[in-house]
Amino acid sequence: MKLVEHADQIAYASASHDEILRAAAELFMEFGYTATSIDAVAKRLGSTKGRIYHHFRSKADLFFAVQISAMTRLLTEIEPIASAAGDPIERLGLMALRHTQILLAEMPMQKVAVQGLERHLLGASATRHMKTLRSIIKMRDDYEQLFAEVIDAGIRKGLFVDLPVKLATKPFFGALNWATIWYSQRRLQKADEINEIAYELAAFALRGILKGPSHDATQAALLRHRLG
């Protein structure tokens, strides 16, 4: 019985931790880091500040935890696709699609991860959290490297545009991550509709990196088949 109770406590603590992260991400997205307070997160959750401080020592710790959680989610989902068998077009297309699906479905968390770090780096408190900042930057670099390696393989096979890998990878990411600027989920928007947007955006980014004609109906059909 005690083991069951302990497992239940762990599950509850984990669920509480994740709920706090989601609420904080929404506020960071809506109001920015400076204007968001622990009080505001507690109010959004309908709880006390003590609940927040049970998991996080400060607002900065909470802010960085949102980014680490978002990056961990992406790495966990995308790494198996990047390392799987298959030609570079297929792998890159599937990576882009899954990346964009997560971005759109979990916008507050992912928007903080995409945009929040650079803004916080400009803040006076950045030096106090340099170790955490470096850790997050490494996670982001490792994640981007997954895409860079697949793009490099495609360039070597003559499938992708003849550009230095970094120069090809950055715009590809930019096309996908720009959704954090313009996308806003509508009320009652269905999952299928979000997935269709993700598909169109991933296909758009993939067409931009392919070598040779890529905009005719045959190529569009190929992209749809490859992206699923």
Protein backbone atom coordinates (compact mmCIF):
# COMPACT_ATOMS: atom_id res chain seq x y z
CA MET A 1 0.00 0.00 0.00
CA LYS A 2 2.80 2.38 0.90
CA LEU A 3 4.46 1.78 -2.46
CA VAL A 4 1.18 2.59 -4.24
CA GLU A 5 0.74 5.73 -2.18
CA HIS A 6 4.31 6.80 -2.95
CA ALA A 7 3.75 6.26 -6.68
CA ASP A 8 0.55 8.31 -6.51
CA GLN A 9 2.42 11.12 -4.76
CA ILE A 10 5.11 11.14 -7.44
CA ALA A 11 2.51 11.21 -10.20
CA TYR A 12 0.66 14.05 -8.49
CA ALA A 13 3.87 16.04 -8.01
CA SER A 14 4.77 15.54 -11.67
CA ALA A 15 1.30 16.62 -12.84
CA SER A 16 1.45 19.67 -10.56
CA HIS A 17 4.92 20.54 -11.88
CA ASP A 18 3.73 20.33 -15.50
CA GLU A 19 0.58 22.34 -14.77
CA ILE A 20 2.69 25.13 -13.28
CA LEU A 21 4.96 25.13 -16.33
CA ARG A 22 2.01 25.44 -18.71
CA ALA A 23 0.44 28.28 -16.74
CA ALA A 24 3.75 30.12 -16.52
CA ALA A 25 4.38 29.66 -20.24
CA GLU A 26 1.00 31.20 -21.06
CA LEU A 27 1.81 34.25 -18.94
CA PHE A 28 5.36 34.62 -20.27
CA MET A 29 3.93 34.46 -23.78
CA GLU A 30 1.16 36.98 -23.08
CA PHE A 31 2.99 39.52 -20.93
CA GLY A 32 6.71 38.79 -21.19
CA TYR A 33 9.22 37.84 -18.54
CA THR A 34 9.42 41.15 -16.69
CA ALA A 35 5.66 41.65 -16.30
CA THR A 36 5.01 38.08 -15.14
CA SER A 37 5.23 37.34 -11.43
CA ILE A 38 4.92 34.29 -9.22
CA ASP A 39 1.72 35.90 -7.90
CA ALA A 40 0.33 35.99 -11.44
CA VAL A 41 1.16 32.31 -12.03
CA ALA A 42 -0.51 31.36 -8.75
CA LYS A 43 -3.58 33.40 -9.68
CA ARG A 44 -3.76 31.75 -13.10
CA LEU A 45 -3.70 28.35 -11.37
CA GLY A 46 -6.09 29.39 -8.61
CA SER A 47 -3.53 28.33 -6.01
CA THR A 48 -1.11 29.80 -3.50
CA LYS A 49 2.43 30.98 -4.17
CA GLY A 50 3.58 28.21 -1.86
CA ARG A 51 2.60 25.66 -4.48
CA ILE A 52 4.87 27.35 -7.01
CA TYR A 53 7.78 27.68 -4.60
CA HIS A 54 7.47 24.01 -3.71
CA HIS A 55 8.75 23.27 -7.22
CA PHE A 56 10.69 26.39 -8.22
CA ARG A 57 12.91 28.68 -6.16
CA SER A 58 12.36 31.80 -8.29
CA LYS A 59 10.71 33.24 -11.36
CA ALA A 60 13.97 32.81 -13.28
CA ASP A 61 14.08 29.10 -12.40
CA LEU A 62 10.50 28.76 -13.60
CA PHE A 63 11.28 30.63 -16.81
CA PHE A 64 14.25 28.41 -17.62
CA ALA A 65 12.32 25.26 -16.66
CA VAL A 66 9.72 26.12 -19.32
CA GLN A 67 12.46 26.31 -21.94
CA ILE A 68 14.14 23.10 -20.83
CA SER A 69 10.82 21.26 -20.86
CA ALA A 70 10.01 22.55 -24.35
CA MET A 71 13.42 21.61 -25.74
CA THR A 72 13.32 18.18 -24.09
CA ARG A 73 9.97 17.55 -25.77
CA LEU A 74 11.35 18.43 -29.19
CA LEU A 75 14.55 16.42 -28.78
CA THR A 76 12.64 13.35 -27.60
CA GLU A 77 10.29 13.46 -30.59
CA ILE A 78 12.69 14.44 -33.36
CA GLU A 79 15.88 12.53 -32.56
CA PRO A 80 14.43 9.08 -33.45
CA ILE A 81 13.26 10.43 -36.83
CA ALA A 82 16.65 12.01 -37.56
CA SER A 83 18.51 8.78 -36.79
CA ALA A 84 16.09 6.43 -38.58
CA ALA A 85 16.66 4.83 -41.97
CA GLY A 86 15.37 6.65 -45.02
CA ASP A 87 16.50 9.20 -47.56
CA PRO A 88 17.19 12.78 -46.40
CA ILE A 89 14.06 14.24 -48.03
CA GLU A 90 11.80 11.83 -46.20
CA ARG A 91 13.53 12.28 -42.86
CA LEU A 92 13.73 16.07 -43.09
CA GLY A 93 10.09 16.28 -44.12
CA LEU A 94 8.94 14.16 -41.20
CA MET A 95 11.17 16.09 -38.80
CA ALA A 96 9.76 19.39 -40.01
CA LEU A 97 6.21 18.13 -39.77
CA ARG A 98 6.56 16.82 -36.22
CA HIS A 99 8.43 19.95 -35.14
CA THR A 100 5.65 22.14 -36.48
CA GLN A 101 2.87 20.00 -35.01
CA ILE A 102 4.41 20.38 -31.56
CA LEU A 103 5.00 24.09 -32.11
CA LEU A 104 1.37 24.76 -33.01
CA ALA A 105 -0.21 22.43 -30.46
CA GLU A 106 1.97 23.60 -27.56
CA MET A 107 2.46 27.22 -28.58
CA PRO A 108 2.99 28.89 -25.15
CA MET A 109 5.76 26.47 -24.13
CA GLN A 110 7.43 26.47 -27.54
CA LYS A 111 7.13 30.21 -28.11
CA VAL A 112 8.95 30.87 -24.85
CA ALA A 113 11.64 28.42 -25.96
CA VAL A 114 12.00 29.99 -29.41
CA GLN A 115 11.83 33.66 -28.44
CA GLY A 116 12.31 33.95 -24.70
CA LEU A 117 15.98 33.08 -24.34
CA GLU A 118 17.33 35.84 -26.58
CA ARG A 119 15.28 38.46 -24.78
CA HIS A 120 16.39 37.23 -21.38
CA LEU A 121 20.03 37.22 -22.45
CA LEU A 122 19.76 40.99 -22.68
CA GLY A 123 18.59 41.27 -19.07
CA ALA A 124 20.77 42.24 -16.14
CA SER A 125 20.07 38.94 -14.37
CA ALA A 126 21.53 36.84 -17.19
CA THR A 127 24.98 36.61 -15.57
CA ARG A 128 23.45 35.13 -12.42
CA HIS A 129 22.09 32.19 -14.41
CA MET A 130 24.91 31.69 -16.91
CA LYS A 131 25.29 27.97 -16.20
CA THR A 132 21.60 27.34 -16.92
CA LEU A 133 21.74 29.58 -19.98
CA ARG A 134 24.67 27.62 -21.36
CA SER A 135 22.81 24.36 -20.77
CA ILE A 136 19.76 25.59 -22.68
CA ILE A 137 21.89 26.95 -25.50
CA LYS A 138 23.57 23.55 -25.81
CA MET A 139 20.19 21.83 -26.00
CA ARG A 140 19.15 24.19 -28.77
CA ASP A 141 22.43 23.69 -30.63
CA ASP A 142 22.12 19.90 -30.33
CA TYR A 143 18.56 20.08 -31.62
CA GLU A 144 19.51 22.23 -34.59
CA GLN A 145 22.40 19.86 -35.31
CA LEU A 146 19.91 17.01 -35.86
CA PHE A 147 18.46 18.99 -38.76
CA ALA A 148 21.87 20.13 -39.99
CA GLU A 149 23.13 16.56 -40.27
CA VAL A 150 20.13 15.45 -42.34
CA ILE A 151 20.39 18.56 -44.52
CA ASP A 152 24.11 17.91 -45.01
CA ALA A 153 23.34 14.35 -46.12
CA GLY A 154 20.82 15.72 -48.62
CA ILE A 155 23.27 18.29 -49.98
CA ARG A 156 25.91 15.59 -50.46
CA LYS A 157 23.41 13.49 -52.42
CA GLY A 158 22.47 16.44 -54.62
CA LEU A 159 18.93 16.57 -53.25
CA PHE A 160 19.13 19.94 -51.48
CA VAL A 161 20.38 23.35 -52.56
CA ASP A 162 24.15 23.83 -52.83
CA LEU A 163 24.76 25.96 -49.76
CA PRO A 164 26.94 25.67 -46.68
CA VAL A 165 25.04 23.52 -44.19
CA LYS A 166 24.59 26.30 -41.64
CA LEU A 167 23.31 28.71 -44.28
CA ALA A 168 20.77 26.12 -45.46
CA THR A 169 19.68 25.10 -41.96
CA LYS A 170 19.02 28.57 -40.49
CA PRO A 171 16.43 29.68 -43.09
CA PHE A 172 14.77 26.26 -42.94
CA PHE A 173 14.31 26.64 -39.18
CA GLY A 174 13.26 30.25 -39.65
CA ALA A 175 10.39 29.27 -41.94
CA LEU A 176 9.08 26.82 -39.34
CA ASN A 177 9.64 28.90 -36.22
CA TRP A 178 8.12 32.05 -37.71
CA ALA A 179 4.80 30.45 -36.76
CA THR A 180 5.48 31.59 -33.19
CA ILE A 181 5.05 35.15 -34.49
CA TRP A 182 1.93 34.89 -36.64
CA TYR A 183 0.01 31.82 -35.47
CA SER A 184 -2.81 32.14 -32.97
CA GLN A 185 -5.06 29.15 -32.37
CA ARG A 186 -8.75 29.84 -32.85
CA ARG A 187 -11.32 28.80 -30.29
CA LEU A 188 -12.68 25.31 -30.98
CA GLN A 189 -10.06 24.75 -33.69
CA LYS A 190 -9.85 21.02 -34.38
CA ALA A 191 -6.67 18.96 -34.19
CA ASP A 192 -7.05 18.01 -37.87
CA GLU A 193 -7.05 21.68 -38.82
CA ILE A 194 -3.91 22.34 -36.81
CA ASN A 195 -2.22 19.33 -38.40
CA GLU A 196 -3.12 20.62 -41.86
CA ILE A 197 -1.46 23.95 -41.09
CA ALA A 198 1.57 22.07 -39.79
CA TYR A 199 1.70 20.02 -42.99
CA GLU A 200 1.47 23.09 -45.24
CA LEU A 201 4.18 24.90 -43.32
CA ALA A 202 6.50 21.87 -43.29
CA ALA A 203 5.93 21.33 -47.02
CA PHE A 204 6.65 25.00 -47.70
CA ALA A 205 9.96 24.82 -45.82
CA LEU A 206 10.92 21.58 -47.54
CA ARG A 207 10.18 22.94 -51.02
CA GLY A 208 12.47 25.86 -50.29
CA ILE A 209 15.47 23.61 -49.68
CA LEU A 210 14.95 21.10 -52.47
CA LYS A 211 17.23 21.31 -55.48
CA GLY A 212 15.56 21.78 -58.87
CA PRO A 213 11.87 22.26 -59.75
CA SER A 214 9.67 21.76 -56.71
CA HIS A 215 6.45 23.67 -57.21
CA ASP A 216 4.59 21.65 -59.82
CA ALA A 217 1.71 19.29 -59.06
CA THR A 218 3.90 16.19 -59.23
CA GLN A 219 6.30 17.53 -56.64
CA ALA A 220 3.41 18.65 -54.42
CA ALA A 221 1.96 15.13 -54.57
CA LEU A 222 5.38 13.68 -53.72
CA LEU A 223 5.67 15.97 -50.71
CA ARG A 224 2.20 14.99 -49.48
CA HIS A 225 3.09 11.33 -49.85
CA ARG A 226 6.39 11.74 -48.03
CA LEU A 227 5.02 13.86 -45.23
CA GLY A 228 2.07 11.56 -44.66
